[in-house]
Amino acid sequence: MRRDNWLIHQLPVGMTDDDFLVRYLTIFQRLADTVIEQVDQMSLMFDPDVAPDSMVRTMAQWLGVDWVDSSLEDRRQREIVRRYAELIQWRGTHRGLQLLLELLTDGPVEVRDTGGVFAEGEAPGGPAHVRIDVGTSGWNRPDDLVRIVLSEVPASVTLDMWIGNEHVWPPSVDASATPGQLPVAQATADTGQVTPDA
């Protein structure tokens, strides 16, 4: 905690007896106080709980989150930035995708994948595949939710996504599989699209 007269207090004892000098330096102390208060509060500018709204959206962009909608309520925007900052270390993993979808949909989420650590020669053939089942798209439009998920899944991984009973990705896959069922995925050589085994 600074003294009220922190600048005057630094003067040699004899100079503090000069009333004009003390009043003159008080002007500069008051100017400096405003700058020092801004510096003291700088750390709060990077706390999503108390930062101004515009700064919260700027922090989201720094984290690579371009989907924070300014029309969302303030509490929701701050929660997205805070929680995404925590889960970014898990980006591209099963756990990261699960946490992100829980944040985005506020509903039941099931993520299953064919990835893992396998002994030499025991890895399944074909690209890794992720099956996502969410109860609802939450505050997102379904196409926005798909776009967000696609940006989080590694490029080499194929994806099959359901929202409720609606198969939303990929659009070219036969949606005859039932929700919750993880199809054995194979990528066709020419398009890379996922087609379930018959």
N, C-alpha and C. Protein backbone atom coordinates (compact mmCIF):
# COMPACT_ATOMS: atom_id res chain seq x y z
N MET A 1 0.85 -1.19 0.00
CA MET A 1 0.00 0.00 0.00
C MET A 1 0.89 1.24 0.00
N ARG A 2 0.63 2.14 -0.94
CA ARG A 2 1.42 3.37 -1.01
C ARG A 2 0.88 4.43 -0.06
N ARG A 3 1.79 5.25 0.44
CA ARG A 3 1.38 6.40 1.25
C ARG A 3 0.69 7.41 0.35
N ASP A 4 -0.16 8.24 0.93
CA ASP A 4 -0.82 9.29 0.17
C ASP A 4 0.18 10.30 -0.38
N ASN A 5 1.26 10.53 0.35
CA ASN A 5 2.26 11.52 -0.07
C ASN A 5 3.57 10.84 -0.45
N TRP A 6 3.48 9.76 -1.21
CA TRP A 6 4.66 8.95 -1.51
C TRP A 6 5.75 9.74 -2.23
N LEU A 7 5.40 10.68 -3.10
CA LEU A 7 6.42 11.44 -3.81
C LEU A 7 7.06 12.48 -2.90
N ILE A 8 6.24 13.19 -2.14
CA ILE A 8 6.77 14.20 -1.22
C ILE A 8 7.65 13.53 -0.16
N HIS A 9 7.26 12.32 0.24
CA HIS A 9 7.99 11.59 1.27
C HIS A 9 9.43 11.28 0.85
N GLN A 10 9.68 11.27 -0.45
CA GLN A 10 11.03 10.97 -0.93
C GLN A 10 11.97 12.19 -0.89
N LEU A 11 11.43 13.36 -0.62
CA LEU A 11 12.26 14.56 -0.55
C LEU A 11 13.14 14.56 0.69
N PRO A 12 14.30 15.19 0.59
CA PRO A 12 15.11 15.37 1.80
C PRO A 12 14.34 16.19 2.83
N VAL A 13 14.60 15.99 4.09
CA VAL A 13 13.84 16.60 5.18
C VAL A 13 13.76 18.11 5.03
N GLY A 14 14.83 18.77 4.69
CA GLY A 14 14.82 20.22 4.61
C GLY A 14 13.91 20.75 3.52
N MET A 15 13.72 20.00 2.44
CA MET A 15 12.89 20.48 1.31
C MET A 15 11.40 20.37 1.62
N THR A 16 11.01 19.51 2.51
CA THR A 16 9.59 19.37 2.84
C THR A 16 9.06 20.57 3.61
N ASP A 17 9.97 21.43 4.09
CA ASP A 17 9.53 22.64 4.80
C ASP A 17 9.10 23.74 3.82
N ASP A 18 9.43 23.58 2.54
CA ASP A 18 9.07 24.59 1.54
C ASP A 18 7.66 24.30 1.04
N ASP A 19 6.70 25.10 1.48
CA ASP A 19 5.29 24.89 1.16
C ASP A 19 5.04 24.92 -0.35
N PHE A 20 5.66 25.86 -1.07
CA PHE A 20 5.45 25.94 -2.52
C PHE A 20 5.94 24.68 -3.21
N LEU A 21 7.12 24.21 -2.86
CA LEU A 21 7.68 22.99 -3.49
C LEU A 21 6.78 21.79 -3.22
N VAL A 22 6.29 21.66 -2.01
CA VAL A 22 5.41 20.54 -1.66
C VAL A 22 4.14 20.59 -2.49
N ARG A 23 3.52 21.77 -2.59
CA ARG A 23 2.29 21.89 -3.39
C ARG A 23 2.57 21.65 -4.87
N TYR A 24 3.71 22.12 -5.36
CA TYR A 24 4.10 21.93 -6.76
C TYR A 24 4.29 20.44 -7.07
N LEU A 25 4.99 19.73 -6.21
CA LEU A 25 5.21 18.29 -6.42
C LEU A 25 3.93 17.48 -6.27
N THR A 26 2.99 17.99 -5.49
CA THR A 26 1.71 17.31 -5.33
C THR A 26 0.98 17.19 -6.66
N ILE A 27 1.12 18.18 -7.53
CA ILE A 27 0.51 18.12 -8.87
C ILE A 27 1.04 16.90 -9.62
N PHE A 28 2.36 16.72 -9.62
CA PHE A 28 2.96 15.59 -10.34
C PHE A 28 2.63 14.25 -9.67
N GLN A 29 2.50 14.27 -8.37
CA GLN A 29 2.13 13.04 -7.67
C GLN A 29 0.73 12.60 -8.08
N ARG A 30 -0.19 13.55 -8.17
CA ARG A 30 -1.57 13.20 -8.57
C ARG A 30 -1.61 12.68 -10.00
N LEU A 31 -0.83 13.27 -10.89
CA LEU A 31 -0.76 12.75 -12.26
C LEU A 31 -0.18 11.34 -12.27
N ALA A 32 0.88 11.13 -11.51
CA ALA A 32 1.51 9.81 -11.46
C ALA A 32 0.60 8.78 -10.82
N ASP A 33 -0.23 9.21 -9.86
CA ASP A 33 -1.16 8.27 -9.21
C ASP A 33 -2.08 7.60 -10.22
N THR A 34 -2.57 8.36 -11.20
CA THR A 34 -3.48 7.76 -12.17
C THR A 34 -2.77 6.70 -13.01
N VAL A 35 -1.51 6.97 -13.39
CA VAL A 35 -0.75 6.00 -14.17
C VAL A 35 -0.46 4.77 -13.33
N ILE A 36 -0.06 4.96 -12.08
CA ILE A 36 0.27 3.84 -11.21
C ILE A 36 -0.96 2.98 -10.94
N GLU A 37 -2.13 3.60 -10.79
CA GLU A 37 -3.36 2.82 -10.58
C GLU A 37 -3.66 1.96 -11.79
N GLN A 38 -3.45 2.51 -12.99
CA GLN A 38 -3.67 1.71 -14.20
C GLN A 38 -2.70 0.54 -14.27
N VAL A 39 -1.45 0.77 -13.91
CA VAL A 39 -0.45 -0.32 -13.90
C VAL A 39 -0.83 -1.37 -12.86
N ASP A 40 -1.29 -0.92 -11.69
CA ASP A 40 -1.68 -1.86 -10.63
C ASP A 40 -2.84 -2.74 -11.06
N GLN A 41 -3.71 -2.21 -11.90
CA GLN A 41 -4.89 -2.96 -12.32
C GLN A 41 -4.67 -3.73 -13.61
N MET A 42 -3.48 -3.65 -14.17
CA MET A 42 -3.21 -4.30 -15.46
C MET A 42 -3.45 -5.81 -15.41
N SER A 43 -3.09 -6.45 -14.32
CA SER A 43 -3.28 -7.90 -14.24
C SER A 43 -4.76 -8.27 -14.31
N LEU A 44 -5.63 -7.39 -13.85
CA LEU A 44 -7.06 -7.67 -13.89
C LEU A 44 -7.60 -7.64 -15.32
N MET A 45 -6.89 -6.96 -16.22
CA MET A 45 -7.32 -6.91 -17.61
C MET A 45 -7.26 -8.27 -18.28
N PHE A 46 -6.49 -9.20 -17.69
CA PHE A 46 -6.33 -10.53 -18.28
C PHE A 46 -7.03 -11.60 -17.46
N ASP A 47 -7.91 -11.19 -16.59
CA ASP A 47 -8.72 -12.11 -15.81
C ASP A 47 -10.12 -12.11 -16.40
N PRO A 48 -10.56 -13.20 -17.02
CA PRO A 48 -11.86 -13.19 -17.69
C PRO A 48 -13.04 -12.94 -16.75
N ASP A 49 -12.83 -13.07 -15.45
CA ASP A 49 -13.93 -12.83 -14.51
C ASP A 49 -14.22 -11.34 -14.33
N VAL A 50 -13.21 -10.49 -14.49
CA VAL A 50 -13.41 -9.07 -14.21
C VAL A 50 -13.00 -8.15 -15.36
N ALA A 51 -12.41 -8.68 -16.42
CA ALA A 51 -11.98 -7.84 -17.54
C ALA A 51 -13.18 -7.24 -18.25
N PRO A 52 -13.01 -6.10 -18.92
CA PRO A 52 -14.11 -5.53 -19.71
C PRO A 52 -14.55 -6.49 -20.81
N ASP A 53 -15.80 -6.37 -21.24
CA ASP A 53 -16.36 -7.30 -22.24
C ASP A 53 -15.50 -7.38 -23.50
N SER A 54 -15.07 -6.23 -23.99
CA SER A 54 -14.28 -6.23 -25.23
C SER A 54 -12.96 -6.97 -25.03
N MET A 55 -12.39 -6.88 -23.84
CA MET A 55 -11.13 -7.57 -23.57
C MET A 55 -11.35 -9.08 -23.49
N VAL A 56 -12.50 -9.50 -22.99
CA VAL A 56 -12.81 -10.93 -22.93
C VAL A 56 -12.82 -11.52 -24.33
N ARG A 57 -13.45 -10.81 -25.28
CA ARG A 57 -13.48 -11.30 -26.67
C ARG A 57 -12.09 -11.26 -27.30
N THR A 58 -11.28 -10.28 -26.93
CA THR A 58 -9.90 -10.21 -27.43
C THR A 58 -9.09 -11.39 -26.91
N MET A 59 -9.27 -11.74 -25.64
CA MET A 59 -8.57 -12.90 -25.08
C MET A 59 -9.00 -14.17 -25.80
N ALA A 60 -10.28 -14.26 -26.15
CA ALA A 60 -10.76 -15.43 -26.89
C ALA A 60 -10.03 -15.54 -28.23
N GLN A 61 -9.86 -14.42 -28.92
CA GLN A 61 -9.14 -14.45 -30.19
C GLN A 61 -7.69 -14.85 -30.00
N TRP A 62 -7.06 -14.41 -28.92
CA TRP A 62 -5.68 -14.81 -28.64
C TRP A 62 -5.58 -16.33 -28.47
N LEU A 63 -6.62 -16.92 -27.90
CA LEU A 63 -6.63 -18.37 -27.69
C LEU A 63 -7.02 -19.14 -28.94
N GLY A 64 -7.37 -18.42 -30.01
CA GLY A 64 -7.78 -19.08 -31.24
C GLY A 64 -9.25 -19.42 -31.26
N VAL A 65 -10.03 -18.82 -30.39
CA VAL A 65 -11.46 -19.08 -30.32
C VAL A 65 -12.18 -17.97 -31.07
N ASP A 66 -12.54 -18.23 -32.31
CA ASP A 66 -13.21 -17.21 -33.12
C ASP A 66 -14.73 -17.35 -33.07
N TRP A 67 -15.22 -18.21 -32.20
CA TRP A 67 -16.66 -18.48 -32.18
C TRP A 67 -17.36 -17.94 -30.95
N VAL A 68 -16.72 -17.04 -30.20
CA VAL A 68 -17.42 -16.41 -29.07
C VAL A 68 -18.31 -15.31 -29.64
N ASP A 69 -19.59 -15.51 -29.54
CA ASP A 69 -20.57 -14.59 -30.10
C ASP A 69 -20.83 -13.45 -29.12
N SER A 70 -20.72 -12.21 -29.60
CA SER A 70 -20.93 -11.06 -28.72
C SER A 70 -22.38 -10.94 -28.26
N SER A 71 -23.29 -11.65 -28.92
CA SER A 71 -24.69 -11.61 -28.49
C SER A 71 -24.96 -12.55 -27.31
N LEU A 72 -23.99 -13.42 -27.00
CA LEU A 72 -24.15 -14.29 -25.83
C LEU A 72 -24.11 -13.44 -24.57
N GLU A 73 -24.76 -13.91 -23.54
CA GLU A 73 -24.72 -13.16 -22.28
C GLU A 73 -23.30 -13.11 -21.75
N ASP A 74 -23.01 -12.05 -21.03
CA ASP A 74 -21.67 -11.77 -20.53
C ASP A 74 -21.09 -12.94 -19.74
N ARG A 75 -21.90 -13.53 -18.86
CA ARG A 75 -21.43 -14.64 -18.04
C ARG A 75 -20.96 -15.82 -18.90
N ARG A 76 -21.69 -16.10 -19.96
CA ARG A 76 -21.36 -17.22 -20.85
C ARG A 76 -20.04 -16.96 -21.59
N GLN A 77 -19.86 -15.73 -22.09
CA GLN A 77 -18.62 -15.40 -22.79
C GLN A 77 -17.41 -15.58 -21.87
N ARG A 78 -17.54 -15.12 -20.64
CA ARG A 78 -16.43 -15.23 -19.69
C ARG A 78 -16.15 -16.70 -19.35
N GLU A 79 -17.21 -17.49 -19.22
CA GLU A 79 -17.03 -18.91 -18.92
C GLU A 79 -16.32 -19.63 -20.07
N ILE A 80 -16.67 -19.28 -21.30
CA ILE A 80 -16.03 -19.91 -22.46
C ILE A 80 -14.53 -19.62 -22.45
N VAL A 81 -14.16 -18.36 -22.27
CA VAL A 81 -12.74 -17.98 -22.29
C VAL A 81 -12.00 -18.66 -21.14
N ARG A 82 -12.57 -18.64 -19.95
CA ARG A 82 -11.91 -19.23 -18.79
C ARG A 82 -11.72 -20.74 -18.97
N ARG A 83 -12.78 -21.43 -19.37
CA ARG A 83 -12.69 -22.88 -19.48
C ARG A 83 -11.87 -23.32 -20.69
N TYR A 84 -11.95 -22.56 -21.80
CA TYR A 84 -11.14 -22.94 -22.96
C TYR A 84 -9.66 -22.76 -22.65
N ALA A 85 -9.31 -21.74 -21.88
CA ALA A 85 -7.92 -21.55 -21.48
C ALA A 85 -7.42 -22.73 -20.66
N GLU A 86 -8.32 -23.35 -19.89
CA GLU A 86 -7.94 -24.51 -19.09
C GLU A 86 -7.83 -25.78 -19.93
N LEU A 87 -8.71 -25.93 -20.93
CA LEU A 87 -8.73 -27.18 -21.68
C LEU A 87 -7.85 -27.15 -22.93
N ILE A 88 -7.25 -26.00 -23.25
CA ILE A 88 -6.44 -25.91 -24.47
C ILE A 88 -5.27 -26.88 -24.45
N GLN A 89 -4.80 -27.23 -23.24
CA GLN A 89 -3.70 -28.20 -23.15
C GLN A 89 -4.13 -29.59 -23.63
N TRP A 90 -5.44 -29.82 -23.68
CA TRP A 90 -5.96 -31.12 -24.12
C TRP A 90 -6.47 -31.07 -25.56
N ARG A 91 -6.21 -29.97 -26.26
CA ARG A 91 -6.73 -29.81 -27.61
C ARG A 91 -6.26 -30.95 -28.51
N GLY A 92 -7.17 -31.48 -29.30
CA GLY A 92 -6.85 -32.57 -30.21
C GLY A 92 -6.91 -33.95 -29.58
N THR A 93 -7.29 -34.02 -28.30
CA THR A 93 -7.38 -35.31 -27.62
C THR A 93 -8.83 -35.64 -27.33
N HIS A 94 -9.06 -36.88 -26.96
CA HIS A 94 -10.40 -37.34 -26.57
C HIS A 94 -10.94 -36.47 -25.44
N ARG A 95 -10.12 -36.29 -24.42
CA ARG A 95 -10.54 -35.51 -23.25
C ARG A 95 -10.85 -34.06 -23.63
N GLY A 96 -9.99 -33.46 -24.45
CA GLY A 96 -10.21 -32.07 -24.87
C GLY A 96 -11.50 -31.90 -25.63
N LEU A 97 -11.80 -32.84 -26.51
CA LEU A 97 -13.04 -32.78 -27.30
C LEU A 97 -14.25 -32.95 -26.40
N GLN A 98 -14.17 -33.87 -25.44
CA GLN A 98 -15.26 -34.09 -24.49
C GLN A 98 -15.53 -32.82 -23.68
N LEU A 99 -14.48 -32.20 -23.14
CA LEU A 99 -14.64 -30.99 -22.34
C LEU A 99 -15.19 -29.83 -23.17
N LEU A 100 -14.70 -29.70 -24.40
CA LEU A 100 -15.17 -28.62 -25.27
C LEU A 100 -16.65 -28.79 -25.59
N LEU A 101 -17.06 -30.00 -25.93
CA LEU A 101 -18.47 -30.23 -26.28
C LEU A 101 -19.38 -30.04 -25.07
N GLU A 102 -18.91 -30.39 -23.89
CA GLU A 102 -19.70 -30.12 -22.68
C GLU A 102 -19.87 -28.63 -22.47
N LEU A 103 -18.81 -27.87 -22.75
CA LEU A 103 -18.88 -26.41 -22.63
C LEU A 103 -19.84 -25.82 -23.66
N LEU A 104 -19.82 -26.34 -24.87
CA LEU A 104 -20.62 -25.77 -25.96
C LEU A 104 -22.09 -26.16 -25.91
N THR A 105 -22.39 -27.34 -25.40
CA THR A 105 -23.77 -27.83 -25.52
C THR A 105 -24.53 -27.89 -24.20
N ASP A 106 -23.84 -27.89 -23.07
CA ASP A 106 -24.49 -28.01 -21.76
C ASP A 106 -25.35 -29.27 -21.66
N GLY A 107 -25.05 -30.25 -22.45
CA GLY A 107 -25.88 -31.44 -22.43
C GLY A 107 -25.04 -32.70 -22.38
N PRO A 108 -25.70 -33.84 -22.50
CA PRO A 108 -24.96 -35.09 -22.51
C PRO A 108 -24.09 -35.18 -23.76
N VAL A 109 -22.88 -35.64 -23.57
CA VAL A 109 -21.91 -35.75 -24.67
C VAL A 109 -21.25 -37.11 -24.58
N GLU A 110 -21.13 -37.77 -25.71
CA GLU A 110 -20.40 -39.03 -25.76
C GLU A 110 -19.42 -38.97 -26.91
N VAL A 111 -18.15 -39.14 -26.60
CA VAL A 111 -17.09 -39.14 -27.61
C VAL A 111 -16.40 -40.48 -27.55
N ARG A 112 -16.37 -41.17 -28.69
CA ARG A 112 -15.67 -42.45 -28.77
C ARG A 112 -14.74 -42.41 -29.97
N ASP A 113 -13.59 -43.04 -29.82
CA ASP A 113 -12.63 -43.01 -30.93
C ASP A 113 -11.92 -44.34 -31.04
N THR A 114 -11.28 -44.53 -32.19
CA THR A 114 -10.55 -45.77 -32.44
C THR A 114 -9.06 -45.59 -32.18
N GLY A 115 -8.67 -44.42 -31.67
CA GLY A 115 -7.26 -44.16 -31.40
C GLY A 115 -6.80 -44.83 -30.12
N GLY A 116 -5.54 -44.73 -29.86
CA GLY A 116 -4.99 -45.31 -28.65
C GLY A 116 -3.52 -45.64 -28.84
N VAL A 117 -2.97 -46.30 -27.85
CA VAL A 117 -1.57 -46.75 -27.90
C VAL A 117 -1.61 -48.26 -28.09
N PHE A 118 -0.95 -48.73 -29.14
CA PHE A 118 -1.00 -50.15 -29.48
C PHE A 118 0.41 -50.70 -29.60
N ALA A 119 0.55 -51.98 -29.31
CA ALA A 119 1.83 -52.66 -29.52
C ALA A 119 2.11 -52.71 -31.02
N GLU A 120 3.35 -52.86 -31.37
CA GLU A 120 3.73 -52.88 -32.78
C GLU A 120 2.98 -53.99 -33.51
N GLY A 121 2.37 -53.61 -34.63
CA GLY A 121 1.63 -54.56 -35.45
C GLY A 121 0.19 -54.77 -35.01
N GLU A 122 -0.23 -54.21 -33.88
CA GLU A 122 -1.59 -54.43 -33.40
C GLU A 122 -2.53 -53.24 -33.64
N ALA A 123 -2.02 -52.15 -34.21
CA ALA A 123 -2.86 -50.98 -34.45
C ALA A 123 -3.87 -51.29 -35.54
N PRO A 124 -5.10 -50.81 -35.39
CA PRO A 124 -6.10 -51.05 -36.43
C PRO A 124 -5.72 -50.31 -37.71
N GLY A 125 -6.13 -50.87 -38.84
CA GLY A 125 -5.82 -50.23 -40.12
C GLY A 125 -6.72 -49.04 -40.38
N GLY A 126 -6.32 -48.22 -41.31
CA GLY A 126 -7.11 -47.05 -41.68
C GLY A 126 -6.88 -45.89 -40.75
N PRO A 127 -7.48 -44.75 -41.09
CA PRO A 127 -7.28 -43.56 -40.25
C PRO A 127 -8.04 -43.68 -38.94
N ALA A 128 -7.59 -42.93 -37.95
CA ALA A 128 -8.31 -42.89 -36.67
C ALA A 128 -9.68 -42.28 -36.93
N HIS A 129 -10.67 -42.71 -36.16
CA HIS A 129 -12.05 -42.25 -36.37
C HIS A 129 -12.66 -41.85 -35.02
N VAL A 130 -13.42 -40.77 -35.04
CA VAL A 130 -14.09 -40.29 -33.84
C VAL A 130 -15.59 -40.29 -34.09
N ARG A 131 -16.32 -40.80 -33.11
CA ARG A 131 -17.79 -40.80 -33.16
C ARG A 131 -18.27 -39.89 -32.02
N ILE A 132 -19.06 -38.86 -32.37
CA ILE A 132 -19.56 -37.90 -31.39
C ILE A 132 -21.07 -37.96 -31.37
N ASP A 133 -21.63 -38.09 -30.17
CA ASP A 133 -23.07 -38.04 -29.97
C ASP A 133 -23.35 -36.97 -28.92
N VAL A 134 -24.09 -35.94 -29.30
CA VAL A 134 -24.49 -34.90 -28.35
C VAL A 134 -26.02 -34.81 -28.35
N GLY A 135 -26.58 -34.52 -27.20
CA GLY A 135 -28.03 -34.44 -27.09
C GLY A 135 -28.61 -33.24 -27.82
N THR A 136 -27.88 -32.13 -27.79
CA THR A 136 -28.36 -30.89 -28.40
C THR A 136 -27.16 -30.05 -28.82
N SER A 137 -27.39 -29.11 -29.73
CA SER A 137 -26.29 -28.23 -30.14
C SER A 137 -26.13 -27.05 -29.19
N GLY A 138 -26.96 -26.99 -28.15
CA GLY A 138 -26.86 -25.91 -27.17
C GLY A 138 -27.19 -24.58 -27.78
N TRP A 139 -26.39 -23.56 -27.50
CA TRP A 139 -26.64 -22.22 -28.02
C TRP A 139 -26.07 -22.04 -29.42
N ASN A 140 -25.50 -23.10 -29.99
CA ASN A 140 -24.91 -23.05 -31.33
C ASN A 140 -25.88 -23.55 -32.38
N ARG A 141 -25.73 -23.06 -33.59
CA ARG A 141 -26.42 -23.69 -34.72
C ARG A 141 -25.67 -24.97 -35.02
N PRO A 142 -26.35 -26.02 -35.50
CA PRO A 142 -25.66 -27.28 -35.78
C PRO A 142 -24.45 -27.13 -36.70
N ASP A 143 -24.56 -26.31 -37.76
CA ASP A 143 -23.43 -26.17 -38.67
C ASP A 143 -22.25 -25.46 -38.00
N ASP A 144 -22.55 -24.53 -37.07
CA ASP A 144 -21.47 -23.88 -36.33
C ASP A 144 -20.78 -24.87 -35.39
N LEU A 145 -21.57 -25.72 -34.75
CA LEU A 145 -20.99 -26.72 -33.86
C LEU A 145 -20.08 -27.67 -34.62
N VAL A 146 -20.51 -28.09 -35.81
CA VAL A 146 -19.69 -28.97 -36.65
C VAL A 146 -18.39 -28.25 -37.03
N ARG A 147 -18.48 -26.99 -37.41
CA ARG A 147 -17.29 -26.22 -37.79
C ARG A 147 -16.29 -26.14 -36.63
N ILE A 148 -16.81 -25.89 -35.43
CA ILE A 148 -15.93 -25.79 -34.25
C ILE A 148 -15.26 -27.13 -33.99
N VAL A 149 -16.03 -28.21 -34.05
CA VAL A 149 -15.48 -29.54 -33.79
C VAL A 149 -14.42 -29.89 -34.83
N LEU A 150 -14.70 -29.59 -36.10
CA LEU A 150 -13.72 -29.90 -37.15
C LEU A 150 -12.41 -29.15 -36.95
N SER A 151 -12.47 -27.96 -36.38
CA SER A 151 -11.23 -27.21 -36.13
C SER A 151 -10.45 -27.78 -34.94
N GLU A 152 -11.09 -28.58 -34.12
CA GLU A 152 -10.44 -29.15 -32.94
C GLU A 152 -9.90 -30.55 -33.17
N VAL A 153 -10.47 -31.26 -34.13
CA VAL A 153 -10.06 -32.64 -34.39
C VAL A 153 -8.82 -32.62 -35.29
N PRO A 154 -7.81 -33.45 -35.00
CA PRO A 154 -6.64 -33.50 -35.88
C PRO A 154 -7.03 -33.79 -37.33
N ALA A 155 -6.28 -33.23 -38.26
CA ALA A 155 -6.62 -33.32 -39.68
C ALA A 155 -6.64 -34.77 -40.18
N SER A 156 -5.86 -35.66 -39.58
CA SER A 156 -5.80 -37.04 -40.05
C SER A 156 -6.93 -37.91 -39.52
N VAL A 157 -7.79 -37.34 -38.68
CA VAL A 157 -8.86 -38.12 -38.05
C VAL A 157 -10.17 -37.90 -38.79
N THR A 158 -10.89 -38.99 -39.05
CA THR A 158 -12.21 -38.87 -39.65
C THR A 158 -13.25 -38.73 -38.54
N LEU A 159 -14.39 -38.14 -38.89
CA LEU A 159 -15.37 -37.76 -37.88
C LEU A 159 -16.77 -38.16 -38.30
N ASP A 160 -17.53 -38.65 -37.34
CA ASP A 160 -18.93 -38.98 -37.53
C ASP A 160 -19.67 -38.32 -36.37
N MET A 161 -20.62 -37.42 -36.66
CA MET A 161 -21.23 -36.63 -35.59
C MET A 161 -22.75 -36.68 -35.66
N TRP A 162 -23.35 -36.88 -34.48
CA TRP A 162 -24.80 -36.91 -34.33
C TRP A 162 -25.21 -35.84 -33.31
N ILE A 163 -26.29 -35.12 -33.62
CA ILE A 163 -26.92 -34.21 -32.66
C ILE A 163 -28.32 -34.74 -32.43
N GLY A 164 -28.57 -35.26 -31.24
CA GLY A 164 -29.83 -35.95 -30.98
C GLY A 164 -29.90 -37.17 -31.88
N ASN A 165 -30.96 -37.28 -32.67
CA ASN A 165 -31.09 -38.39 -33.61
C ASN A 165 -30.72 -37.99 -35.03
N GLU A 166 -30.18 -36.80 -35.19
CA GLU A 166 -29.86 -36.30 -36.53
C GLU A 166 -28.37 -36.46 -36.82
N HIS A 167 -28.08 -37.11 -37.93
CA HIS A 167 -26.70 -37.29 -38.36
C HIS A 167 -26.29 -36.02 -39.11
N VAL A 168 -25.30 -35.28 -38.55
CA VAL A 168 -24.95 -33.98 -39.12
C VAL A 168 -23.60 -33.95 -39.83
N TRP A 169 -22.74 -34.93 -39.58
CA TRP A 169 -21.44 -34.94 -40.26
C TRP A 169 -20.89 -36.34 -40.36
N PRO A 170 -20.29 -36.71 -41.48
CA PRO A 170 -20.25 -35.97 -42.73
C PRO A 170 -21.55 -36.11 -43.48
N PRO A 171 -21.90 -35.13 -44.28
CA PRO A 171 -23.20 -35.17 -44.95
C PRO A 171 -23.33 -36.29 -45.96
N SER A 172 -22.21 -36.81 -46.49
CA SER A 172 -22.29 -37.84 -47.53
C SER A 172 -22.38 -39.25 -46.98
N VAL A 173 -22.25 -39.41 -45.66
CA VAL A 173 -22.30 -40.75 -45.08
C VAL A 173 -23.74 -41.21 -44.94
N ASP A 174 -23.96 -42.47 -45.23
CA ASP A 174 -25.28 -43.06 -45.06
C ASP A 174 -25.64 -43.00 -43.58
N ALA A 175 -26.75 -42.36 -43.26
CA ALA A 175 -27.13 -42.16 -41.86
C ALA A 175 -27.94 -43.32 -41.31
N SER A 176 -27.77 -44.53 -41.88
CA SER A 176 -28.57 -45.66 -41.41
C SER A 176 -28.07 -46.23 -40.09
N ALA A 177 -26.82 -45.86 -39.70
CA ALA A 177 -26.32 -46.34 -38.42
C ALA A 177 -27.12 -45.69 -37.30
N THR A 178 -27.29 -46.40 -36.22
CA THR A 178 -28.07 -45.86 -35.11
C THR A 178 -27.19 -44.99 -34.23
N PRO A 179 -27.79 -43.96 -33.59
CA PRO A 179 -27.00 -43.11 -32.70
C PRO A 179 -26.37 -43.95 -31.59
N GLY A 180 -25.14 -43.62 -31.24
CA GLY A 180 -24.44 -44.35 -30.20
C GLY A 180 -23.60 -45.50 -30.73
N GLN A 181 -23.81 -45.88 -31.99
CA GLN A 181 -23.05 -46.98 -32.56
C GLN A 181 -21.81 -46.40 -33.24
N LEU A 182 -20.65 -46.93 -32.92
CA LEU A 182 -19.40 -46.47 -33.53
C LEU A 182 -19.11 -47.33 -34.73
N PRO A 183 -19.30 -46.78 -35.95
CA PRO A 183 -19.03 -47.61 -37.13
C PRO A 183 -17.54 -47.83 -37.31
N VAL A 184 -17.21 -48.94 -37.93
CA VAL A 184 -15.81 -49.16 -38.29
C VAL A 184 -15.59 -48.35 -39.55
N ALA A 185 -14.72 -47.35 -39.46
CA ALA A 185 -14.58 -46.40 -40.55
C ALA A 185 -13.45 -46.77 -41.48
N GLN A 186 -13.67 -46.55 -42.76
CA GLN A 186 -12.62 -46.71 -43.76
C GLN A 186 -12.67 -45.49 -44.65
N ALA A 187 -11.53 -44.97 -45.01
CA ALA A 187 -11.49 -43.81 -45.90
C ALA A 187 -11.28 -44.31 -47.32
N THR A 188 -12.07 -43.77 -48.25
CA THR A 188 -11.88 -44.14 -49.64
C THR A 188 -10.65 -43.42 -50.15
N ALA A 189 -9.91 -44.06 -51.03
CA ALA A 189 -8.63 -43.53 -51.47
C ALA A 189 -8.77 -42.22 -52.23
N ASP A 190 -9.86 -42.06 -52.99
CA ASP A 190 -9.97 -40.88 -53.84
C ASP A 190 -10.48 -39.65 -53.10
N THR A 191 -11.41 -39.78 -52.15
CA THR A 191 -12.00 -38.60 -51.51
C THR A 191 -11.60 -38.45 -50.06
N GLY A 192 -11.20 -39.52 -49.40
CA GLY A 192 -10.90 -39.43 -47.99
C GLY A 192 -12.16 -39.40 -47.12
N GLN A 193 -13.34 -39.55 -47.75
CA GLN A 193 -14.59 -39.54 -46.99
C GLN A 193 -14.73 -40.86 -46.23
N VAL A 194 -15.39 -40.78 -45.11
CA VAL A 194 -15.58 -41.97 -44.29
C VAL A 194 -16.82 -42.71 -44.75
N THR A 195 -16.68 -44.01 -44.93
CA THR A 195 -17.85 -44.82 -45.26
C THR A 195 -17.91 -45.98 -44.28
N PRO A 196 -19.06 -46.21 -43.63
CA PRO A 196 -19.15 -47.32 -42.69
C PRO A 196 -19.09 -48.66 -43.39
N ASP A 197 -18.50 -49.63 -42.72
CA ASP A 197 -18.47 -50.99 -43.29
C ASP A 197 -19.88 -51.56 -43.34
N ALA A 198 -20.11 -52.35 -44.33
CA ALA A 198 -21.43 -53.00 -44.45
C ALA A 198 -21.49 -54.18 -43.52
